[in-house]
Amino acid sequence: MVIITIELTRIKSTDNGTFGFLSKEYGDPFCLTYELPWHDNKTNVSCIPAKRYMCILGENSNYKEVFHVHRVPGRENVQIHIGNTAKDTQGCILVGSEFEPLGGYSAVQSSKRAFNELREIVGDKAFWLKIIDKT
């Protein structure tokens, strides 16, 4: 069984967030990402360490579909899901189609569309998420 690898390449990190893009391994980007800034991997306030994680489709109480990011060191319940700003995440990865401020906050827009693109690429199968930090 071949498991696809999706790369999350982080390209900018500020006090307002960590910004990047998703691509198939060695491929062209297909959506953008927004994460919280790095705060030593602290629960609910930090992005996760750059490494490789297994992601599995599931759900949570807020969203019908999410990808659960497994085996994050020292963390539980990290996910990839829809959302726009830091108010929509507690250390999870948000996906979007463009970077554009929302209500004066750093944000990704068209999140549902971007999540649907990710779903089209990986389907309902598990995939590897390889995080590359170029910030």
N, C-alpha and C. Protein backbone atom coordinates (compact mmCIF):
# COMPACT_ATOMS: atom_id res chain seq x y z
N MET A 1 0.83 -1.17 0.00
CA MET A 1 0.00 0.00 0.00
C MET A 1 0.88 1.24 0.00
N VAL A 2 0.66 2.12 -0.96
CA VAL A 2 1.42 3.37 -1.06
C VAL A 2 0.65 4.45 -0.31
N ILE A 3 1.31 5.12 0.59
CA ILE A 3 0.70 6.23 1.32
C ILE A 3 1.31 7.52 0.79
N ILE A 4 0.46 8.43 0.37
CA ILE A 4 0.90 9.70 -0.18
C ILE A 4 1.56 10.55 0.91
N THR A 5 2.52 11.35 0.51
CA THR A 5 3.13 12.33 1.41
C THR A 5 2.73 13.72 0.96
N ILE A 6 2.20 14.49 1.89
CA ILE A 6 1.87 15.90 1.66
C ILE A 6 2.90 16.71 2.44
N GLU A 7 3.50 17.69 1.78
CA GLU A 7 4.48 18.55 2.45
C GLU A 7 3.82 19.86 2.86
N LEU A 8 4.08 20.26 4.09
CA LEU A 8 3.71 21.58 4.56
C LEU A 8 5.02 22.36 4.67
N THR A 9 5.20 23.32 3.80
CA THR A 9 6.41 24.14 3.81
C THR A 9 6.09 25.46 4.48
N ARG A 10 6.71 25.71 5.62
CA ARG A 10 6.52 26.97 6.34
C ARG A 10 7.46 28.01 5.74
N ILE A 11 6.89 29.15 5.33
CA ILE A 11 7.69 30.16 4.64
C ILE A 11 7.85 31.46 5.42
N LYS A 12 7.01 31.68 6.41
CA LYS A 12 7.10 32.93 7.18
C LYS A 12 6.52 32.70 8.56
N SER A 13 7.20 33.24 9.56
CA SER A 13 6.70 33.16 10.93
C SER A 13 6.83 34.53 11.57
N THR A 14 5.73 35.01 12.15
CA THR A 14 5.70 36.30 12.83
C THR A 14 5.00 36.11 14.17
N ASP A 15 4.88 37.18 14.93
CA ASP A 15 4.13 37.12 16.18
C ASP A 15 2.64 36.86 15.93
N ASN A 16 2.20 37.08 14.69
CA ASN A 16 0.79 36.91 14.33
C ASN A 16 0.47 35.52 13.78
N GLY A 17 1.49 34.74 13.48
CA GLY A 17 1.22 33.40 12.96
C GLY A 17 2.36 32.84 12.13
N THR A 18 2.17 31.60 11.72
CA THR A 18 3.13 30.89 10.87
C THR A 18 2.40 30.55 9.58
N PHE A 19 3.00 30.90 8.46
CA PHE A 19 2.35 30.81 7.17
C PHE A 19 3.11 29.87 6.25
N GLY A 20 2.38 29.10 5.47
CA GLY A 20 3.03 28.15 4.58
C GLY A 20 2.10 27.69 3.48
N PHE A 21 2.46 26.57 2.87
CA PHE A 21 1.64 26.00 1.81
C PHE A 21 1.75 24.48 1.84
N LEU A 22 0.73 23.82 1.30
CA LEU A 22 0.72 22.37 1.14
C LEU A 22 0.98 22.02 -0.31
N SER A 23 1.72 20.95 -0.51
CA SER A 23 1.97 20.42 -1.85
C SER A 23 2.13 18.91 -1.75
N LYS A 24 1.89 18.25 -2.89
CA LYS A 24 2.28 16.84 -2.94
C LYS A 24 3.78 16.82 -2.85
N GLU A 25 4.36 15.75 -2.36
CA GLU A 25 5.81 15.69 -2.19
C GLU A 25 6.50 16.07 -3.49
N TYR A 26 7.34 17.09 -3.44
CA TYR A 26 8.11 17.62 -4.57
C TYR A 26 7.21 18.19 -5.67
N GLY A 27 5.96 18.52 -5.36
CA GLY A 27 5.03 19.04 -6.35
C GLY A 27 4.71 20.51 -6.14
N ASP A 28 3.78 21.00 -6.95
CA ASP A 28 3.34 22.39 -6.87
C ASP A 28 2.38 22.58 -5.70
N PRO A 29 2.39 23.76 -5.09
CA PRO A 29 1.45 24.04 -4.00
C PRO A 29 0.01 23.96 -4.46
N PHE A 30 -0.87 23.47 -3.58
CA PHE A 30 -2.28 23.45 -3.91
C PHE A 30 -3.13 24.21 -2.89
N CYS A 31 -2.61 24.52 -1.72
CA CYS A 31 -3.32 25.40 -0.80
C CYS A 31 -2.35 26.00 0.21
N LEU A 32 -2.83 26.99 0.95
CA LEU A 32 -2.03 27.72 1.92
C LEU A 32 -2.35 27.23 3.33
N THR A 33 -1.46 27.53 4.26
CA THR A 33 -1.68 27.13 5.65
C THR A 33 -1.45 28.30 6.60
N TYR A 34 -2.18 28.27 7.70
CA TYR A 34 -2.00 29.22 8.79
C TYR A 34 -1.91 28.42 10.09
N GLU A 35 -0.88 28.71 10.87
CA GLU A 35 -0.70 28.10 12.18
C GLU A 35 -0.35 29.19 13.18
N LEU A 36 -0.45 28.86 14.44
CA LEU A 36 0.00 29.78 15.48
C LEU A 36 1.51 29.92 15.41
N PRO A 37 2.07 31.00 15.99
CA PRO A 37 3.53 31.13 16.04
C PRO A 37 4.15 30.02 16.89
N TRP A 38 5.44 29.84 16.74
CA TRP A 38 6.16 28.85 17.53
C TRP A 38 6.33 29.36 18.96
N HIS A 39 5.82 28.59 19.91
CA HIS A 39 6.00 28.86 21.34
C HIS A 39 6.38 27.56 22.04
N ASP A 40 7.51 26.99 21.59
CA ASP A 40 8.08 25.79 22.19
C ASP A 40 7.10 24.62 22.27
N ASN A 41 6.23 24.49 21.27
CA ASN A 41 5.28 23.38 21.17
C ASN A 41 4.29 23.33 22.34
N LYS A 42 4.02 24.46 22.97
CA LYS A 42 3.08 24.49 24.09
C LYS A 42 1.66 24.27 23.58
N THR A 43 0.90 23.45 24.29
CA THR A 43 -0.47 23.12 23.93
C THR A 43 -1.33 24.38 23.80
N ASN A 44 -2.12 24.43 22.74
CA ASN A 44 -3.11 25.47 22.46
C ASN A 44 -2.53 26.82 22.03
N VAL A 45 -1.22 27.03 22.09
CA VAL A 45 -0.67 28.35 21.76
C VAL A 45 0.49 28.30 20.77
N SER A 46 0.84 27.10 20.28
CA SER A 46 2.02 26.96 19.43
C SER A 46 1.72 26.07 18.23
N CYS A 47 2.44 26.33 17.14
CA CYS A 47 2.45 25.37 16.04
C CYS A 47 3.25 24.15 16.50
N ILE A 48 3.19 23.09 15.73
CA ILE A 48 3.84 21.84 16.13
C ILE A 48 5.24 21.76 15.53
N PRO A 49 6.10 20.89 16.08
CA PRO A 49 7.46 20.78 15.54
C PRO A 49 7.48 20.31 14.09
N ALA A 50 8.48 20.75 13.37
CA ALA A 50 8.67 20.32 11.97
C ALA A 50 9.22 18.90 11.98
N LYS A 51 8.41 17.94 11.58
CA LYS A 51 8.79 16.55 11.41
C LYS A 51 7.75 15.87 10.53
N ARG A 52 7.69 14.57 10.56
CA ARG A 52 6.73 13.81 9.74
C ARG A 52 5.68 13.19 10.65
N TYR A 53 4.41 13.34 10.26
CA TYR A 53 3.30 12.85 11.05
C TYR A 53 2.33 12.07 10.17
N MET A 54 1.67 11.09 10.76
CA MET A 54 0.59 10.37 10.08
C MET A 54 -0.70 11.15 10.32
N CYS A 55 -1.48 11.35 9.25
CA CYS A 55 -2.76 12.05 9.36
C CYS A 55 -3.88 11.12 8.92
N ILE A 56 -4.97 11.11 9.70
CA ILE A 56 -6.09 10.22 9.44
C ILE A 56 -7.38 11.02 9.50
N LEU A 57 -8.25 10.81 8.51
CA LEU A 57 -9.53 11.50 8.44
C LEU A 57 -10.42 11.12 9.61
N GLY A 58 -11.11 12.11 10.17
CA GLY A 58 -12.04 11.87 11.26
C GLY A 58 -12.96 13.07 11.41
N GLU A 59 -13.47 13.26 12.60
CA GLU A 59 -14.32 14.41 12.87
C GLU A 59 -14.07 14.86 14.29
N ASN A 60 -14.64 16.01 14.63
CA ASN A 60 -14.60 16.48 16.01
C ASN A 60 -15.92 17.16 16.30
N SER A 61 -16.06 17.76 17.47
CA SER A 61 -17.33 18.37 17.85
C SER A 61 -17.65 19.64 17.07
N ASN A 62 -16.64 20.26 16.46
CA ASN A 62 -16.87 21.50 15.72
C ASN A 62 -16.96 21.31 14.21
N TYR A 63 -16.32 20.29 13.68
CA TYR A 63 -16.23 20.11 12.23
C TYR A 63 -16.60 18.69 11.84
N LYS A 64 -17.33 18.58 10.74
CA LYS A 64 -17.74 17.27 10.25
C LYS A 64 -16.54 16.44 9.82
N GLU A 65 -15.56 17.10 9.20
CA GLU A 65 -14.35 16.40 8.76
C GLU A 65 -13.11 17.17 9.18
N VAL A 66 -12.15 16.43 9.69
CA VAL A 66 -10.82 16.96 10.03
C VAL A 66 -9.82 15.86 9.73
N PHE A 67 -8.57 16.23 9.64
CA PHE A 67 -7.51 15.23 9.60
C PHE A 67 -6.79 15.31 10.94
N HIS A 68 -6.80 14.20 11.67
CA HIS A 68 -6.11 14.13 12.95
C HIS A 68 -4.62 13.90 12.69
N VAL A 69 -3.79 14.74 13.30
CA VAL A 69 -2.33 14.65 13.15
C VAL A 69 -1.83 13.84 14.35
N HIS A 70 -1.30 12.65 14.07
CA HIS A 70 -0.95 11.70 15.13
C HIS A 70 0.50 11.82 15.59
N ARG A 71 0.67 11.49 16.88
CA ARG A 71 1.98 11.39 17.53
C ARG A 71 2.78 12.69 17.52
N VAL A 72 2.09 13.79 17.78
CA VAL A 72 2.80 15.05 17.97
C VAL A 72 3.40 15.01 19.37
N PRO A 73 4.71 15.19 19.50
CA PRO A 73 5.35 15.07 20.82
C PRO A 73 4.73 16.02 21.85
N GLY A 74 4.29 15.45 22.98
CA GLY A 74 3.76 16.26 24.06
C GLY A 74 2.41 16.90 23.80
N ARG A 75 1.74 16.51 22.73
CA ARG A 75 0.46 17.14 22.37
C ARG A 75 -0.57 16.10 22.01
N GLU A 76 -1.83 16.47 22.15
CA GLU A 76 -2.95 15.64 21.73
C GLU A 76 -3.93 16.50 20.95
N ASN A 77 -4.74 15.85 20.16
CA ASN A 77 -5.85 16.50 19.46
C ASN A 77 -5.40 17.60 18.49
N VAL A 78 -4.28 17.43 17.83
CA VAL A 78 -3.85 18.36 16.78
C VAL A 78 -4.49 17.90 15.48
N GLN A 79 -5.02 18.86 14.73
CA GLN A 79 -5.78 18.54 13.52
C GLN A 79 -5.45 19.50 12.39
N ILE A 80 -5.83 19.10 11.20
CA ILE A 80 -5.91 19.98 10.04
C ILE A 80 -7.40 20.19 9.81
N HIS A 81 -7.84 21.45 9.79
CA HIS A 81 -9.26 21.72 9.61
C HIS A 81 -9.49 23.10 9.01
N ILE A 82 -10.76 23.40 8.73
CA ILE A 82 -11.10 24.71 8.19
C ILE A 82 -11.02 25.75 9.29
N GLY A 83 -10.83 26.99 8.89
CA GLY A 83 -10.75 28.12 9.81
C GLY A 83 -9.99 29.23 9.14
N ASN A 84 -10.03 30.41 9.75
CA ASN A 84 -9.42 31.57 9.12
C ASN A 84 -8.32 32.24 9.95
N THR A 85 -8.54 32.41 11.25
CA THR A 85 -7.60 33.18 12.07
C THR A 85 -7.19 32.39 13.32
N ALA A 86 -6.35 33.02 14.13
CA ALA A 86 -5.90 32.40 15.37
C ALA A 86 -7.07 32.04 16.28
N LYS A 87 -8.19 32.73 16.15
CA LYS A 87 -9.37 32.42 16.97
C LYS A 87 -9.94 31.05 16.63
N ASP A 88 -9.62 30.53 15.44
CA ASP A 88 -10.16 29.26 14.98
C ASP A 88 -9.25 28.07 15.26
N THR A 89 -8.15 28.29 15.94
CA THR A 89 -7.21 27.20 16.17
C THR A 89 -6.64 27.23 17.58
N GLN A 90 -6.36 26.06 18.09
CA GLN A 90 -5.66 25.92 19.36
C GLN A 90 -4.44 25.04 19.12
N GLY A 91 -3.65 25.45 18.13
CA GLY A 91 -2.45 24.69 17.78
C GLY A 91 -2.62 23.79 16.58
N CYS A 92 -3.78 23.87 15.93
CA CYS A 92 -4.03 23.06 14.73
C CYS A 92 -3.54 23.79 13.48
N ILE A 93 -3.66 23.13 12.35
CA ILE A 93 -3.26 23.67 11.05
C ILE A 93 -4.52 24.04 10.29
N LEU A 94 -4.64 25.31 9.91
CA LEU A 94 -5.77 25.78 9.12
C LEU A 94 -5.34 25.85 7.66
N VAL A 95 -6.24 25.53 6.75
CA VAL A 95 -5.94 25.60 5.32
C VAL A 95 -6.80 26.68 4.68
N GLY A 96 -6.26 27.28 3.61
CA GLY A 96 -6.98 28.32 2.88
C GLY A 96 -6.48 28.45 1.47
N SER A 97 -7.14 29.33 0.72
CA SER A 97 -6.77 29.54 -0.68
C SER A 97 -6.05 30.86 -0.92
N GLU A 98 -6.12 31.79 0.03
CA GLU A 98 -5.35 33.02 -0.08
C GLU A 98 -5.06 33.58 1.31
N PHE A 99 -3.95 34.32 1.41
CA PHE A 99 -3.63 35.02 2.64
C PHE A 99 -4.26 36.40 2.53
N GLU A 100 -5.15 36.72 3.43
CA GLU A 100 -5.78 38.03 3.44
C GLU A 100 -6.29 38.30 4.84
N PRO A 101 -5.98 39.48 5.40
CA PRO A 101 -6.44 39.77 6.75
C PRO A 101 -7.96 39.69 6.87
N LEU A 102 -8.41 39.34 8.06
CA LEU A 102 -9.83 39.25 8.34
C LEU A 102 -10.08 39.93 9.68
N GLY A 103 -10.84 41.01 9.67
CA GLY A 103 -11.12 41.74 10.91
C GLY A 103 -9.88 42.28 11.57
N GLY A 104 -8.87 42.62 10.77
CA GLY A 104 -7.62 43.15 11.30
C GLY A 104 -6.63 42.10 11.78
N TYR A 105 -6.96 40.82 11.59
CA TYR A 105 -6.08 39.72 12.01
C TYR A 105 -5.51 39.00 10.80
N SER A 106 -4.31 38.46 10.94
CA SER A 106 -3.73 37.61 9.90
C SER A 106 -4.66 36.43 9.68
N ALA A 107 -4.84 36.04 8.40
CA ALA A 107 -5.83 34.99 8.12
C ALA A 107 -5.56 34.31 6.80
N VAL A 108 -6.17 33.13 6.66
CA VAL A 108 -6.33 32.48 5.36
C VAL A 108 -7.81 32.55 5.02
N GLN A 109 -8.11 32.72 3.75
CA GLN A 109 -9.48 32.81 3.28
C GLN A 109 -9.83 31.60 2.43
N SER A 110 -11.11 31.39 2.17
CA SER A 110 -11.63 30.28 1.36
C SER A 110 -11.15 28.94 1.91
N SER A 111 -11.31 28.78 3.21
CA SER A 111 -10.80 27.60 3.89
C SER A 111 -11.54 26.32 3.48
N LYS A 112 -12.86 26.39 3.33
CA LYS A 112 -13.61 25.19 2.93
C LYS A 112 -13.16 24.71 1.56
N ARG A 113 -12.94 25.63 0.64
CA ARG A 113 -12.47 25.26 -0.70
C ARG A 113 -11.11 24.56 -0.61
N ALA A 114 -10.20 25.11 0.19
CA ALA A 114 -8.86 24.52 0.34
C ALA A 114 -8.94 23.14 1.00
N PHE A 115 -9.79 23.00 2.02
CA PHE A 115 -9.93 21.70 2.67
C PHE A 115 -10.47 20.67 1.67
N ASN A 116 -11.41 21.10 0.84
CA ASN A 116 -11.96 20.19 -0.19
C ASN A 116 -10.89 19.78 -1.20
N GLU A 117 -9.98 20.70 -1.54
CA GLU A 117 -8.87 20.34 -2.43
C GLU A 117 -7.98 19.28 -1.79
N LEU A 118 -7.67 19.45 -0.52
CA LEU A 118 -6.88 18.45 0.19
C LEU A 118 -7.60 17.10 0.19
N ARG A 119 -8.91 17.13 0.44
CA ARG A 119 -9.70 15.89 0.43
C ARG A 119 -9.69 15.22 -0.93
N GLU A 120 -9.74 16.02 -2.00
CA GLU A 120 -9.70 15.44 -3.35
C GLU A 120 -8.37 14.74 -3.60
N ILE A 121 -7.30 15.28 -3.08
CA ILE A 121 -5.97 14.71 -3.30
C ILE A 121 -5.76 13.44 -2.49
N VAL A 122 -6.14 13.46 -1.22
CA VAL A 122 -5.86 12.31 -0.36
C VAL A 122 -7.06 11.38 -0.19
N GLY A 123 -8.24 11.83 -0.57
CA GLY A 123 -9.44 11.01 -0.39
C GLY A 123 -9.70 10.78 1.09
N ASP A 124 -10.08 9.55 1.41
CA ASP A 124 -10.31 9.24 2.82
C ASP A 124 -9.21 8.36 3.39
N LYS A 125 -8.08 8.35 2.67
CA LYS A 125 -6.95 7.52 3.09
C LYS A 125 -6.03 8.30 4.04
N ALA A 126 -5.30 7.58 4.85
CA ALA A 126 -4.28 8.19 5.70
C ALA A 126 -3.16 8.71 4.81
N PHE A 127 -2.46 9.74 5.28
CA PHE A 127 -1.31 10.27 4.54
C PHE A 127 -0.25 10.76 5.52
N TRP A 128 0.97 10.85 5.00
CA TRP A 128 2.07 11.42 5.77
C TRP A 128 2.05 12.93 5.56
N LEU A 129 2.22 13.67 6.63
CA LEU A 129 2.41 15.12 6.57
C LEU A 129 3.85 15.39 6.97
N LYS A 130 4.62 15.91 6.03
CA LYS A 130 6.02 16.23 6.27
C LYS A 130 6.14 17.75 6.37
N ILE A 131 6.46 18.24 7.56
CA ILE A 131 6.57 19.68 7.79
C ILE A 131 8.01 20.12 7.59
N ILE A 132 8.19 21.08 6.71
CA ILE A 132 9.51 21.64 6.38
C ILE A 132 9.51 23.10 6.81
N ASP A 133 10.42 23.48 7.66
CA ASP A 133 10.47 24.84 8.20
C ASP A 133 11.53 25.65 7.46
N LYS A 134 11.09 26.59 6.63
CA LYS A 134 12.02 27.47 5.91
C LYS A 134 11.93 28.91 6.41
N THR A 135 11.41 29.08 7.62
CA THR A 135 11.25 30.44 8.15
C THR A 135 12.55 30.98 8.71
